[in-house]
């Protein structure tokens, strides 16, 4: 049977003020070399964590997974929800047994590594434990079927049992600044409120490294793969629209109380394609030069790169643009949406009309 591929690209230009969103092992903001210049960087793992947190806050709880070593406790709680007569010890023993049957190793009721498990999968495992299912293949099938949306999108790797692996239908790029950056330092002092009057010195001193940047952010989804993972188009559309919303609205929490860097993207492009996804970071291989700000020039370069890519890729199925400024250069590459709700509606409607089988 021929499968019709459908890929979704999402691009964003987002300015971030002085901040330390994602730091390395020395406490410095992460950076990358690109185009011969040092760029601010926010790792894909960092922003994916922020998006998963958004899923938990704004999605349907039963459709979002948990990633934990305490998988036995999680399933044991499900067992006791279904049979309150089971003691905690009994439930833990049953959960441990059914998880081991699936090929996931545990020690002292904890998995050896973080394990990604969906709510529906945990519910089914609890039922299997209560029915005393002994068939390993049946238990593995429970662990494989009905993946939570974040497991389907971001994937799951299980070293103990490769059958439980889930290929990610989504890719998230490391966000990098469209321009060169250099680190700066905030020297701070803290005063002891109860220090004697004759001691005017600081109770603590320190420094925090930070930078400010205009970021290019990119992610893509193989919508046809997500459709097959979740089992129906309605679920896939729901997951895609929640992903877009989370991509736009989420913000990693690193040092956020210090810097309050709660910004939103200034320009967004969402494109649906049938041939392949396209990351347009090449627009910024030559760093943007400041001309009163980076955002508008970054959007102009992104729009120009989008047009250049048309020389190679097939014509898009649809492209949608959401910007904070009506005269944004991005409006030349797709349908201008009046707000986020309209964008999500049009993306969902286009996916609904596009055959994938």
C-alpha atoms as a PDB file:
ATOM      1  CA  UNK A   1       0.000   0.000   0.000  1.00  0.00           C
ATOM      2  CA  UNK A   2       1.420   3.370  -0.997  1.00  0.00           C
ATOM      3  CA  UNK A   3       1.881   5.810   1.868  1.00  0.00           C
ATOM      4  CA  UNK A   4       1.568   9.538   1.267  1.00  0.00           C
ATOM      5  CA  UNK A   5       4.219  11.319   3.305  1.00  0.00           C
ATOM      6  CA  UNK A   6       3.395  14.535   5.104  1.00  0.00           C
ATOM      7  CA  UNK A   7       6.026  16.622   6.878  1.00  0.00           C
ATOM      8  CA  UNK A   8       5.483  19.688   9.014  1.00  0.00           C
ATOM      9  CA  UNK A   9       8.208  22.314   9.459  1.00  0.00           C
ATOM     10  CA  UNK A  10       7.989  25.022  12.100  1.00  0.00           C
ATOM     11  CA  UNK A  11      10.420  27.940  12.153  1.00  0.00           C
ATOM     12  CA  UNK A  12      10.550  30.744  14.709  1.00  0.00           C
ATOM     13  CA  UNK A  13      12.536  33.918  15.265  1.00  0.00           C
ATOM     14  CA  UNK A  14      12.570  34.795  18.958  1.00  0.00           C
ATOM     15  CA  UNK A  15      14.450  37.546  20.768  1.00  0.00           C
ATOM     16  CA  UNK A  16      15.617  36.769  24.286  1.00  0.00           C
ATOM     17  CA  UNK A  17      16.952  39.475  26.654  1.00  0.00           C
ATOM     18  CA  UNK A  18      19.850  38.973  29.073  1.00  0.00           C
ATOM     19  CA  UNK A  19      19.423  35.382  30.237  1.00  0.00           C
ATOM     20  CA  UNK A  20      21.063  32.027  30.928  1.00  0.00           C
ATOM     21  CA  UNK A  21      18.388  29.672  29.603  1.00  0.00           C
ATOM     22  CA  UNK A  22      20.558  26.591  29.165  1.00  0.00           C
ATOM     23  CA  UNK A  23      23.933  26.381  30.885  1.00  0.00           C
ATOM     24  CA  UNK A  24      26.891  24.045  30.538  1.00  0.00           C
ATOM     25  CA  UNK A  25      28.831  22.216  33.254  1.00  0.00           C
ATOM     26  CA  UNK A  26      30.623  25.438  34.256  1.00  0.00           C
ATOM     27  CA  UNK A  27      27.424  27.450  34.583  1.00  0.00           C
ATOM     28  CA  UNK A  28      28.011  29.418  31.370  1.00  0.00           C
ATOM     29  CA  UNK A  29      25.277  29.777  28.732  1.00  0.00           C
ATOM     30  CA  UNK A  30      25.693  27.122  26.046  1.00  0.00           C
ATOM     31  CA  UNK A  31      27.174  28.297  22.750  1.00  0.00           C
ATOM     32  CA  UNK A  32      28.038  26.890  19.326  1.00  0.00           C
ATOM     33  CA  UNK A  33      30.372  27.823  16.496  1.00  0.00           C
ATOM     34  CA  UNK A  34      28.518  28.387  13.238  1.00  0.00           C
ATOM     35  CA  UNK A  35      29.619  30.358  10.205  1.00  0.00           C
ATOM     36  CA  UNK A  36      32.897  31.164  11.959  1.00  0.00           C
ATOM     37  CA  UNK A  37      31.137  32.987  14.803  1.00  0.00           C
ATOM     38  CA  UNK A  38      30.143  32.143  18.361  1.00  0.00           C
ATOM     39  CA  UNK A  39      26.382  31.792  18.692  1.00  0.00           C
ATOM     40  CA  UNK A  40      24.101  31.529  21.681  1.00  0.00           C
ATOM     41  CA  UNK A  41      22.627  28.031  21.839  1.00  0.00           C
ATOM     42  CA  UNK A  42      19.713  26.340  23.579  1.00  0.00           C
ATOM     43  CA  UNK A  43      19.894  22.567  23.259  1.00  0.00           C
ATOM     44  CA  UNK A  44      17.055  20.579  21.757  1.00  0.00           C
ATOM     45  CA  UNK A  45      16.818  18.515  24.956  1.00  0.00           C
ATOM     46  CA  UNK A  46      16.321  21.676  26.995  1.00  0.00           C
ATOM     47  CA  UNK A  47      13.481  23.009  24.869  1.00  0.00           C
ATOM     48  CA  UNK A  48      11.862  19.574  24.499  1.00  0.00           C
ATOM     49  CA  UNK A  49      11.681  19.364  28.311  1.00  0.00           C
ATOM     50  CA  UNK A  50       9.938  22.741  28.362  1.00  0.00           C
ATOM     51  CA  UNK A  51       7.511  21.512  25.703  1.00  0.00           C
ATOM     52  CA  UNK A  52       6.745  18.302  27.601  1.00  0.00           C
ATOM     53  CA  UNK A  53       6.006  20.412  30.681  1.00  0.00           C
ATOM     54  CA  UNK A  54       3.633  22.466  28.516  1.00  0.00           C
ATOM     55  CA  UNK A  55       1.938  19.256  27.336  1.00  0.00           C
ATOM     56  CA  UNK A  56       1.349  18.285  30.969  1.00  0.00           C
ATOM     57  CA  UNK A  57      -0.104  21.696  31.825  1.00  0.00           C
ATOM     58  CA  UNK A  58      -2.229  22.245  28.730  1.00  0.00           C
ATOM     59  CA  UNK A  59      -2.894  18.831  27.184  1.00  0.00           C
ATOM     60  CA  UNK A  60      -5.033  15.933  28.286  1.00  0.00           C
ATOM     61  CA  UNK A  61      -3.230  14.293  31.207  1.00  0.00           C
ATOM     62  CA  UNK A  62      -4.077  10.779  30.061  1.00  0.00           C
ATOM     63  CA  UNK A  63      -2.346  11.319  26.735  1.00  0.00           C
ATOM     64  CA  UNK A  64       1.009  12.443  28.150  1.00  0.00           C
ATOM     65  CA  UNK A  65       3.733  10.112  29.375  1.00  0.00           C
ATOM     66  CA  UNK A  66       6.099  10.168  32.330  1.00  0.00           C
ATOM     67  CA  UNK A  67       9.847   9.559  32.201  1.00  0.00           C
ATOM     68  CA  UNK A  68      11.087   8.096  35.461  1.00  0.00           C
ATOM     69  CA  UNK A  69      13.122   5.405  37.196  1.00  0.00           C
ATOM     70  CA  UNK A  70      10.159   4.941  39.560  1.00  0.00           C
ATOM     71  CA  UNK A  71       8.199   3.016  36.932  1.00  0.00           C
ATOM     72  CA  UNK A  72       7.340   0.282  39.448  1.00  0.00           C
ATOM     73  CA  UNK A  73       5.762   2.772  41.853  1.00  0.00           C
ATOM     74  CA  UNK A  74       3.869   4.397  38.976  1.00  0.00           C
ATOM     75  CA  UNK A  75       2.317   1.102  37.854  1.00  0.00           C
ATOM     76  CA  UNK A  76       1.731   0.006  41.470  1.00  0.00           C
ATOM     77  CA  UNK A  77      -0.358   3.136  42.028  1.00  0.00           C
ATOM     78  CA  UNK A  78      -2.455   2.189  39.006  1.00  0.00           C
ATOM     79  CA  UNK A  79      -2.932  -1.298  40.463  1.00  0.00           C
ATOM     80  CA  UNK A  80      -4.192   0.095  43.763  1.00  0.00           C
ATOM     81  CA  UNK A  81      -6.514   2.515  41.946  1.00  0.00           C
ATOM     82  CA  UNK A  82      -8.140  -0.513  40.314  1.00  0.00           C
ATOM     83  CA  UNK A  83      -8.075  -2.764  43.376  1.00  0.00           C
ATOM     84  CA  UNK A  84      -7.976  -0.893  46.673  1.00  0.00           C
ATOM     85  CA  UNK A  85      -7.751  -4.203  48.548  1.00  0.00           C
ATOM     86  CA  UNK A  86      -4.165  -4.645  47.379  1.00  0.00           C
ATOM     87  CA  UNK A  87      -1.593  -3.441  49.896  1.00  0.00           C
ATOM     88  CA  UNK A  88       1.256  -1.196  48.852  1.00  0.00           C
ATOM     89  CA  UNK A  89       3.710  -4.094  49.154  1.00  0.00           C
ATOM     90  CA  UNK A  90       1.502  -6.412  47.099  1.00  0.00           C
ATOM     91  CA  UNK A  91       1.021  -3.792  44.387  1.00  0.00           C
ATOM     92  CA  UNK A  92       4.748  -3.066  44.225  1.00  0.00           C
ATOM     93  CA  UNK A  93       5.550  -6.769  43.875  1.00  0.00           C
ATOM     94  CA  UNK A  94       2.948  -7.209  41.128  1.00  0.00           C
ATOM     95  CA  UNK A  95       4.125  -4.124  39.253  1.00  0.00           C
ATOM     96  CA  UNK A  96       7.766  -5.197  39.474  1.00  0.00           C
ATOM     97  CA  UNK A  97       6.912  -8.637  38.121  1.00  0.00           C
ATOM     98  CA  UNK A  98       4.893  -7.408  35.130  1.00  0.00           C
ATOM     99  CA  UNK A  99       7.543  -4.824  34.213  1.00  0.00           C
ATOM    100  CA  UNK A 100      10.293  -7.454  34.361  1.00  0.00           C
ATOM    101  CA  UNK A 101       8.180  -9.697  32.097  1.00  0.00           C
ATOM    102  CA  UNK A 102       8.318  -6.963  29.479  1.00  0.00           C
ATOM    103  CA  UNK A 103      12.105  -7.157  29.538  1.00  0.00           C
ATOM    104  CA  UNK A 104      12.750  -4.003  31.589  1.00  0.00           C
ATOM    105  CA  UNK A 105      15.268  -4.638  34.368  1.00  0.00           C
ATOM    106  CA  UNK A 106      14.679  -3.245  37.848  1.00  0.00           C
ATOM    107  CA  UNK A 107      16.557  -3.225  41.127  1.00  0.00           C
ATOM    108  CA  UNK A 108      14.967  -2.384  44.463  1.00  0.00           C
ATOM    109  CA  UNK A 109      11.785  -1.497  42.601  1.00  0.00           C
ATOM    110  CA  UNK A 110      13.524   1.058  40.379  1.00  0.00           C
ATOM    111  CA  UNK A 111      14.429   0.865  36.708  1.00  0.00           C
ATOM    112  CA  UNK A 112      18.140   0.972  35.947  1.00  0.00           C
ATOM    113  CA  UNK A 113      17.583   3.909  33.600  1.00  0.00           C
ATOM    114  CA  UNK A 114      14.878   6.494  33.028  1.00  0.00           C
ATOM    115  CA  UNK A 115      11.916   4.837  31.345  1.00  0.00           C
ATOM    116  CA  UNK A 116       9.284   6.622  29.264  1.00  0.00           C
ATOM    117  CA  UNK A 117       5.792   5.211  29.886  1.00  0.00           C
ATOM    118  CA  UNK A 118       2.393   6.457  28.788  1.00  0.00           C
ATOM    119  CA  UNK A 119      -0.621   6.681  31.075  1.00  0.00           C
ATOM    120  CA  UNK A 120      -2.644   4.282  28.904  1.00  0.00           C
ATOM    121  CA  UNK A 121       0.248   1.810  28.858  1.00  0.00           C
ATOM    122  CA  UNK A 122       0.525   1.972  32.668  1.00  0.00           C
ATOM    123  CA  UNK A 123      -3.235   1.374  32.995  1.00  0.00           C
ATOM    124  CA  UNK A 124      -3.029  -1.690  30.750  1.00  0.00           C
ATOM    125  CA  UNK A 125       0.016  -3.024  32.614  1.00  0.00           C
ATOM    126  CA  UNK A 126      -1.877  -2.706  35.886  1.00  0.00           C
ATOM    127  CA  UNK A 127      -4.799  -4.665  34.430  1.00  0.00           C
ATOM    128  CA  UNK A 128      -2.407  -7.347  33.135  1.00  0.00           C
ATOM    129  CA  UNK A 129      -0.816  -7.629  36.581  1.00  0.00           C
ATOM    130  CA  UNK A 130      -4.236  -8.033  38.215  1.00  0.00           C
ATOM    131  CA  UNK A 131      -5.131 -10.730  35.654  1.00  0.00           C
ATOM    132  CA  UNK A 132      -1.781 -12.408  36.359  1.00  0.00           C
ATOM    133  CA  UNK A 133      -0.791 -12.408  32.680  1.00  0.00           C
ATOM    134  CA  UNK A 134       2.358 -14.490  32.181  1.00  0.00           C
ATOM    135  CA  UNK A 135       2.822 -14.135  28.417  1.00  0.00           C
ATOM    136  CA  UNK A 136       5.900 -11.969  27.836  1.00  0.00           C
ATOM    137  CA  UNK A 137       4.861 -11.086  24.293  1.00  0.00           C
ATOM    138  CA  UNK A 138       1.457  -9.876  25.481  1.00  0.00           C
ATOM    139  CA  UNK A 139       3.093  -7.649  28.101  1.00  0.00           C
ATOM    140  CA  UNK A 140       5.579  -6.283  25.546  1.00  0.00           C
ATOM    141  CA  UNK A 141       2.711  -5.508  23.190  1.00  0.00           C
ATOM    142  CA  UNK A 142       0.997  -3.516  25.953  1.00  0.00           C
ATOM    143  CA  UNK A 143       4.217  -1.540  26.460  1.00  0.00           C
ATOM    144  CA  UNK A 144       4.453  -0.906  22.715  1.00  0.00           C
ATOM    145  CA  UNK A 145       0.862  -0.020  21.822  1.00  0.00           C
ATOM    146  CA  UNK A 146      -1.031   3.178  22.690  1.00  0.00           C
ATOM    147  CA  UNK A 147       2.047   5.412  23.072  1.00  0.00           C
ATOM    148  CA  UNK A 148       1.538   8.773  24.765  1.00  0.00           C
ATOM    149  CA  UNK A 149       1.874  11.714  22.407  1.00  0.00           C
ATOM    150  CA  UNK A 150       5.249  12.763  23.801  1.00  0.00           C
ATOM    151  CA  UNK A 151       6.596   9.216  23.433  1.00  0.00           C
ATOM    152  CA  UNK A 152       5.409   9.139  19.814  1.00  0.00           C
ATOM    153  CA  UNK A 153       6.844  12.585  19.113  1.00  0.00           C
ATOM    154  CA  UNK A 154      10.167  12.343  20.952  1.00  0.00           C
ATOM    155  CA  UNK A 155      10.769   8.593  20.891  1.00  0.00           C
ATOM    156  CA  UNK A 156      11.811   6.006  23.467  1.00  0.00           C
ATOM    157  CA  UNK A 157      15.027   3.997  23.653  1.00  0.00           C
ATOM    158  CA  UNK A 158      15.125   0.852  25.807  1.00  0.00           C
ATOM    159  CA  UNK A 159      18.548  -0.786  25.987  1.00  0.00           C
ATOM    160  CA  UNK A 160      17.210  -3.893  27.760  1.00  0.00           C
ATOM    161  CA  UNK A 161      14.543  -4.669  25.166  1.00  0.00           C
ATOM    162  CA  UNK A 162      14.868  -3.118  21.670  1.00  0.00           C
ATOM    163  CA  UNK A 163      11.321  -4.256  20.817  1.00  0.00           C
ATOM    164  CA  UNK A 164      10.080  -1.516  23.163  1.00  0.00           C
ATOM    165  CA  UNK A 165      11.941   1.202  21.270  1.00  0.00           C
ATOM    166  CA  UNK A 166       9.781   3.919  19.715  1.00  0.00           C
ATOM    167  CA  UNK A 167      11.132   5.925  16.796  1.00  0.00           C
ATOM    168  CA  UNK A 168      10.577   9.652  17.216  1.00  0.00           C
ATOM    169  CA  UNK A 169       8.257  11.203  14.645  1.00  0.00           C
ATOM    170  CA  UNK A 170       9.601  14.651  15.542  1.00  0.00           C
ATOM    171  CA  UNK A 171      13.008  16.322  15.299  1.00  0.00           C
ATOM    172  CA  UNK A 172      13.931  19.453  17.270  1.00  0.00           C
ATOM    173  CA  UNK A 173      17.009  21.467  16.347  1.00  0.00           C
ATOM    174  CA  UNK A 174      19.295  23.229  18.770  1.00  0.00           C
ATOM    175  CA  UNK A 175      18.222  26.857  18.746  1.00  0.00           C
ATOM    176  CA  UNK A 176      21.078  29.205  17.835  1.00  0.00           C
ATOM    177  CA  UNK A 177      21.378  32.951  17.606  1.00  0.00           C
ATOM    178  CA  UNK A 178      21.177  34.448  14.145  1.00  0.00           C
ATOM    179  CA  UNK A 179      24.146  36.647  15.028  1.00  0.00           C
ATOM    180  CA  UNK A 180      27.419  36.462  16.922  1.00  0.00           C
ATOM    181  CA  UNK A 181      27.309  36.789  20.713  1.00  0.00           C
ATOM    182  CA  UNK A 182      29.769  37.344  23.523  1.00  0.00           C
ATOM    183  CA  UNK A 183      29.230  36.448  27.158  1.00  0.00           C
ATOM    184  CA  UNK A 184      28.720  39.088  29.813  1.00  0.00           C
ATOM    185  CA  UNK A 185      28.826  38.853  33.605  1.00  0.00           C
ATOM    186  CA  UNK A 186      26.450  40.098  36.248  1.00  0.00           C
ATOM    187  CA  UNK A 187      28.338  40.868  39.471  1.00  0.00           C
ATOM    188  CA  UNK A 188      25.936  40.715  42.390  1.00  0.00           C
ATOM    189  CA  UNK A 189      25.985  41.172  46.127  1.00  0.00           C
ATOM    190  CA  UNK A 190      23.547  40.132  48.814  1.00  0.00           C
ATOM    191  CA  UNK A 191      23.159  41.976  52.099  1.00  0.00           C
ATOM    192  CA  UNK A 192      22.544  40.181  55.393  1.00  0.00           C
ATOM    193  CA  UNK A 193      19.330  41.748  56.713  1.00  0.00           C
ATOM    194  CA  UNK A 194      20.334  41.081  60.324  1.00  0.00           C
ATOM    195  CA  UNK A 195      23.953  42.197  60.107  1.00  0.00           C
ATOM    196  CA  UNK A 196      25.047  44.720  62.787  1.00  0.00           C
ATOM    197  CA  UNK A 197      25.098  48.389  61.834  1.00  0.00           C
ATOM    198  CA  UNK A 198      28.866  48.560  62.080  1.00  0.00           C
ATOM    199  CA  UNK A 199      29.221  45.812  59.455  1.00  0.00           C
ATOM    200  CA  UNK A 200      28.202  47.266  56.093  1.00  0.00           C
ATOM    201  CA  UNK A 201      29.849  44.525  54.026  1.00  0.00           C
ATOM    202  CA  UNK A 202      28.024  42.132  51.718  1.00  0.00           C
ATOM    203  CA  UNK A 203      26.850  38.805  53.082  1.00  0.00           C
ATOM    204  CA  UNK A 204      27.517  37.150  49.727  1.00  0.00           C
ATOM    205  CA  UNK A 205      29.034  38.108  46.397  1.00  0.00           C
ATOM    206  CA  UNK A 206      29.097  36.282  43.084  1.00  0.00           C
ATOM    207  CA  UNK A 207      28.811  36.447  39.306  1.00  0.00           C
ATOM    208  CA  UNK A 208      26.374  35.006  36.770  1.00  0.00           C
ATOM    209  CA  UNK A 209      27.302  34.744  33.110  1.00  0.00           C
ATOM    210  CA  UNK A 210      24.598  35.614  30.585  1.00  0.00           C
ATOM    211  CA  UNK A 211      24.009  36.699  27.018  1.00  0.00           C
ATOM    212  CA  UNK A 212      21.173  38.122  24.962  1.00  0.00           C
ATOM    213  CA  UNK A 213      20.217  36.929  21.505  1.00  0.00           C
ATOM    214  CA  UNK A 214      17.747  36.630  18.687  1.00  0.00           C
ATOM    215  CA  UNK A 215      17.278  32.896  18.178  1.00  0.00           C
ATOM    216  CA  UNK A 216      16.361  30.832  15.149  1.00  0.00           C
ATOM    217  CA  UNK A 217      14.337  27.835  16.317  1.00  0.00           C
ATOM    218  CA  UNK A 218      13.278  24.889  14.157  1.00  0.00           C
ATOM    219  CA  UNK A 219      11.475  21.565  14.486  1.00  0.00           C
ATOM    220  CA  UNK A 220       9.758  19.130  12.137  1.00  0.00           C
ATOM    221  CA  UNK A 221       7.228  16.321  12.430  1.00  0.00           C
ATOM    222  CA  UNK A 222       6.730  13.345  10.126  1.00  0.00           C
ATOM    223  CA  UNK A 223       2.956  13.631  10.419  1.00  0.00           C
ATOM    224  CA  UNK A 224       2.353  10.382   8.539  1.00  0.00           C
ATOM    225  CA  UNK A 225       4.510   8.506  11.044  1.00  0.00           C
ATOM    226  CA  UNK A 226       2.737  10.151  13.974  1.00  0.00           C
ATOM    227  CA  UNK A 227      -0.579   9.147  12.405  1.00  0.00           C
ATOM    228  CA  UNK A 228       0.489   5.496  12.308  1.00  0.00           C
ATOM    229  CA  UNK A 229       1.852   5.621  15.856  1.00  0.00           C
ATOM    230  CA  UNK A 230      -1.311   7.096  17.372  1.00  0.00           C
ATOM    231  CA  UNK A 231      -3.695   5.086  15.215  1.00  0.00           C
ATOM    232  CA  UNK A 232      -6.018   7.745  13.828  1.00  0.00           C
ATOM    233  CA  UNK A 233      -5.932  11.111  12.157  1.00  0.00           C
ATOM    234  CA  UNK A 234      -7.891  12.964  14.844  1.00  0.00           C
ATOM    235  CA  UNK A 235      -5.326  11.993  17.493  1.00  0.00           C
ATOM    236  CA  UNK A 236      -2.472  12.980  15.161  1.00  0.00           C
ATOM    237  CA  UNK A 237      -4.003  16.395  14.465  1.00  0.00           C
ATOM    238  CA  UNK A 238      -4.542  16.977  18.172  1.00  0.00           C
ATOM    239  CA  UNK A 239      -0.917  16.072  18.896  1.00  0.00           C
ATOM    240  CA  UNK A 240       0.424  18.259  16.074  1.00  0.00           C
ATOM    241  CA  UNK A 241      -1.556  21.327  17.113  1.00  0.00           C
ATOM    242  CA  UNK A 242      -0.546  20.885  20.769  1.00  0.00           C
ATOM    243  CA  UNK A 243       3.071  20.529  19.618  1.00  0.00           C
ATOM    244  CA  UNK A 244       2.881  23.780  17.635  1.00  0.00           C
ATOM    245  CA  UNK A 245       1.287  25.591  20.573  1.00  0.00           C
ATOM    246  CA  UNK A 246       3.936  24.249  22.961  1.00  0.00           C
ATOM    247  CA  UNK A 247       6.766  25.109  20.551  1.00  0.00           C
ATOM    248  CA  UNK A 248       5.530  28.706  20.405  1.00  0.00           C
ATOM    249  CA  UNK A 249       4.556  29.269  24.038  1.00  0.00           C
ATOM    250  CA  UNK A 250       7.011  27.190  26.070  1.00  0.00           C
ATOM    251  CA  UNK A 251      10.146  28.633  27.616  1.00  0.00           C
ATOM    252  CA  UNK A 252      12.941  26.732  29.404  1.00  0.00           C
ATOM    253  CA  UNK A 253      13.195  27.720  33.056  1.00  0.00           C
ATOM    254  CA  UNK A 254      16.970  28.068  33.461  1.00  0.00           C
ATOM    255  CA  UNK A 255      17.688  31.144  35.633  1.00  0.00           C
ATOM    256  CA  UNK A 256      14.246  32.494  34.726  1.00  0.00           C
ATOM    257  CA  UNK A 257      13.694  33.903  38.226  1.00  0.00           C
ATOM    258  CA  UNK A 258      16.903  35.880  37.833  1.00  0.00           C
ATOM    259  CA  UNK A 259      16.262  37.225  34.325  1.00  0.00           C
ATOM    260  CA  UNK A 260      12.473  36.937  33.710  1.00  0.00           C
ATOM    261  CA  UNK A 261      13.187  36.183  30.036  1.00  0.00           C
ATOM    262  CA  UNK A 262       9.533  35.345  29.266  1.00  0.00           C
ATOM    263  CA  UNK A 263       9.431  36.286  25.579  1.00  0.00           C
ATOM    264  CA  UNK A 264       7.377  35.014  22.641  1.00  0.00           C
ATOM    265  CA  UNK A 265       8.470  34.424  19.037  1.00  0.00           C
ATOM    266  CA  UNK A 266       8.165  37.499  16.839  1.00  0.00           C
ATOM    267  CA  UNK A 267       7.750  35.509  13.656  1.00  0.00           C
ATOM    268  CA  UNK A 268       6.598  31.939  12.926  1.00  0.00           C
ATOM    269  CA  UNK A 269       6.350  29.892   9.724  1.00  0.00           C
ATOM    270  CA  UNK A 270       4.541  26.549   9.624  1.00  0.00           C
ATOM    271  CA  UNK A 271       4.866  24.608   6.365  1.00  0.00           C
ATOM    272  CA  UNK A 272       3.400  21.276   5.254  1.00  0.00           C
ATOM    273  CA  UNK A 273       5.404  19.364   2.633  1.00  0.00           C
ATOM    274  CA  UNK A 274       5.171  15.994   0.908  1.00  0.00           C
ATOM    275  CA  UNK A 275       8.833  15.391  -0.012  1.00  0.00           C
ATOM    276  CA  UNK A 276      11.038  16.194   2.994  1.00  0.00           C
ATOM    277  CA  UNK A 277      11.494  18.582   5.930  1.00  0.00           C
ATOM    278  CA  UNK A 278      13.701  21.659   5.425  1.00  0.00           C
ATOM    279  CA  UNK A 279      15.744  23.364   8.152  1.00  0.00           C
ATOM    280  CA  UNK A 280      16.513  26.941   7.049  1.00  0.00           C
ATOM    281  CA  UNK A 281      19.358  27.668   9.474  1.00  0.00           C
ATOM    282  CA  UNK A 282      21.576  28.226   6.417  1.00  0.00           C
ATOM    283  CA  UNK A 283      19.982  31.674   6.258  1.00  0.00           C
ATOM    284  CA  UNK A 284      22.209  32.616   9.188  1.00  0.00           C
ATOM    285  CA  UNK A 285      25.492  30.938   8.210  1.00  0.00           C
ATOM    286  CA  UNK A 286      26.608  34.510   7.615  1.00  0.00           C
ATOM    287  CA  UNK A 287      25.799  36.196  10.951  1.00  0.00           C
ATOM    288  CA  UNK A 288      23.221  38.980  10.936  1.00  0.00           C
ATOM    289  CA  UNK A 289      24.769  42.390  11.602  1.00  0.00           C
ATOM    290  CA  UNK A 290      23.033  44.762  14.021  1.00  0.00           C
ATOM    291  CA  UNK A 291      21.151  47.605  12.351  1.00  0.00           C
ATOM    292  CA  UNK A 292      19.106  48.813  15.275  1.00  0.00           C
ATOM    293  CA  UNK A 293      18.151  45.251  16.163  1.00  0.00           C
ATOM    294  CA  UNK A 294      18.388  41.686  14.875  1.00  0.00           C
ATOM    295  CA  UNK A 295      14.805  40.426  14.691  1.00  0.00           C
ATOM    296  CA  UNK A 296      13.540  42.150  11.540  1.00  0.00           C
ATOM    297  CA  UNK A 297      16.727  41.456   9.585  1.00  0.00           C
ATOM    298  CA  UNK A 298      16.648  37.828  10.783  1.00  0.00           C
ATOM    299  CA  UNK A 299      13.094  37.440   9.497  1.00  0.00           C
ATOM    300  CA  UNK A 300      14.080  38.999   6.170  1.00  0.00           C
ATOM    301  CA  UNK A 301      16.954  36.515   5.785  1.00  0.00           C
ATOM    302  CA  UNK A 302      14.678  33.619   6.790  1.00  0.00           C
ATOM    303  CA  UNK A 303      12.088  34.626   4.169  1.00  0.00           C
ATOM    304  CA  UNK A 304      14.807  34.899   1.506  1.00  0.00           C
ATOM    305  CA  UNK A 305      16.194  31.452   2.393  1.00  0.00           C
ATOM    306  CA  UNK A 306      12.689  29.983   2.218  1.00  0.00           C
ATOM    307  CA  UNK A 307      12.409  31.235  -1.365  1.00  0.00           C
ATOM    308  CA  UNK A 308      15.861  29.886  -2.247  1.00  0.00           C
ATOM    309  CA  UNK A 309      14.909  26.424  -0.991  1.00  0.00           C
ATOM    310  CA  UNK A 310      12.048  26.355  -3.497  1.00  0.00           C
ATOM    311  CA  UNK A 311      14.671  25.742  -6.204  1.00  0.00           C
ATOM    312  CA  UNK A 312      15.286  22.279  -4.756  1.00  0.00           C
ATOM    313  CA  UNK A 313      12.257  21.042  -2.831  1.00  0.00           C
ATOM    314  CA  UNK A 314       8.822  20.339  -4.234  1.00  0.00           C
ATOM    315  CA  UNK A 315       6.158  23.028  -3.842  1.00  0.00           C
ATOM    316  CA  UNK A 316       4.716  23.028  -0.336  1.00  0.00           C
ATOM    317  CA  UNK A 317       1.193  21.796   0.328  1.00  0.00           C
ATOM    318  CA  UNK A 318       0.519  24.854   2.457  1.00  0.00           C
ATOM    319  CA  UNK A 319       2.422  27.489   4.405  1.00  0.00           C
ATOM    320  CA  UNK A 320       1.157  29.675   7.243  1.00  0.00           C
ATOM    321  CA  UNK A 321       2.721  32.714   8.882  1.00  0.00           C
ATOM    322  CA  UNK A 322       2.072  34.298  12.270  1.00  0.00           C
ATOM    323  CA  UNK A 323       3.936  37.489  13.140  1.00  0.00           C
ATOM    324  CA  UNK A 324       3.683  40.228  15.747  1.00  0.00           C
ATOM    325  CA  UNK A 325       4.167  42.893  13.060  1.00  0.00           C
ATOM    326  CA  UNK A 326       1.875  43.182  10.036  1.00  0.00           C
ATOM    327  CA  UNK A 327       4.733  44.377   7.825  1.00  0.00           C
ATOM    328  CA  UNK A 328       7.011  41.450   8.683  1.00  0.00           C
ATOM    329  CA  UNK A 329       9.125  40.109   5.786  1.00  0.00           C
ATOM    330  CA  UNK A 330       7.756  36.639   6.583  1.00  0.00           C
ATOM    331  CA  UNK A 331       4.302  37.469   5.222  1.00  0.00           C
ATOM    332  CA  UNK A 332       5.673  36.918   1.709  1.00  0.00           C
ATOM    333  CA  UNK A 333       6.063  33.156   2.230  1.00  0.00           C
ATOM    334  CA  UNK A 334       2.619  32.019   3.324  1.00  0.00           C
ATOM    335  CA  UNK A 335      -0.900  32.786   4.434  1.00  0.00           C
ATOM    336  CA  UNK A 336      -0.859  35.405   7.173  1.00  0.00           C
ATOM    337  CA  UNK A 337      -2.802  34.289  10.232  1.00  0.00           C
ATOM    338  CA  UNK A 338      -4.464  36.773  12.583  1.00  0.00           C
ATOM    339  CA  UNK A 339      -3.693  34.797  15.745  1.00  0.00           C
ATOM    340  CA  UNK A 340      -2.508  31.443  17.072  1.00  0.00           C
ATOM    341  CA  UNK A 341      -5.977  29.888  17.166  1.00  0.00           C
ATOM    342  CA  UNK A 342      -6.438  30.640  13.460  1.00  0.00           C
ATOM    343  CA  UNK A 343      -3.030  29.142  12.685  1.00  0.00           C
ATOM    344  CA  UNK A 344      -3.813  25.926  14.557  1.00  0.00           C
ATOM    345  CA  UNK A 345      -7.227  25.682  12.910  1.00  0.00           C
ATOM    346  CA  UNK A 346      -5.775  26.028   9.405  1.00  0.00           C
ATOM    347  CA  UNK A 347      -2.932  23.584  10.032  1.00  0.00           C
ATOM    348  CA  UNK A 348      -5.349  21.026  11.470  1.00  0.00           C
ATOM    349  CA  UNK A 349      -7.767  21.502   8.588  1.00  0.00           C
ATOM    350  CA  UNK A 350      -5.024  21.009   6.001  1.00  0.00           C
ATOM    351  CA  UNK A 351      -3.832  17.799   7.677  1.00  0.00           C
ATOM    352  CA  UNK A 352      -7.424  16.552   7.802  1.00  0.00           C
ATOM    353  CA  UNK A 353      -7.778  17.079   4.056  1.00  0.00           C
ATOM    354  CA  UNK A 354      -4.428  15.482   3.176  1.00  0.00           C
ATOM    355  CA  UNK A 355      -4.475  11.712   2.537  1.00  0.00           C
ATOM    356  CA  UNK A 356      -1.754   9.759   4.344  1.00  0.00           C
ATOM    357  CA  UNK A 357      -2.648   6.171   3.380  1.00  0.00           C
END
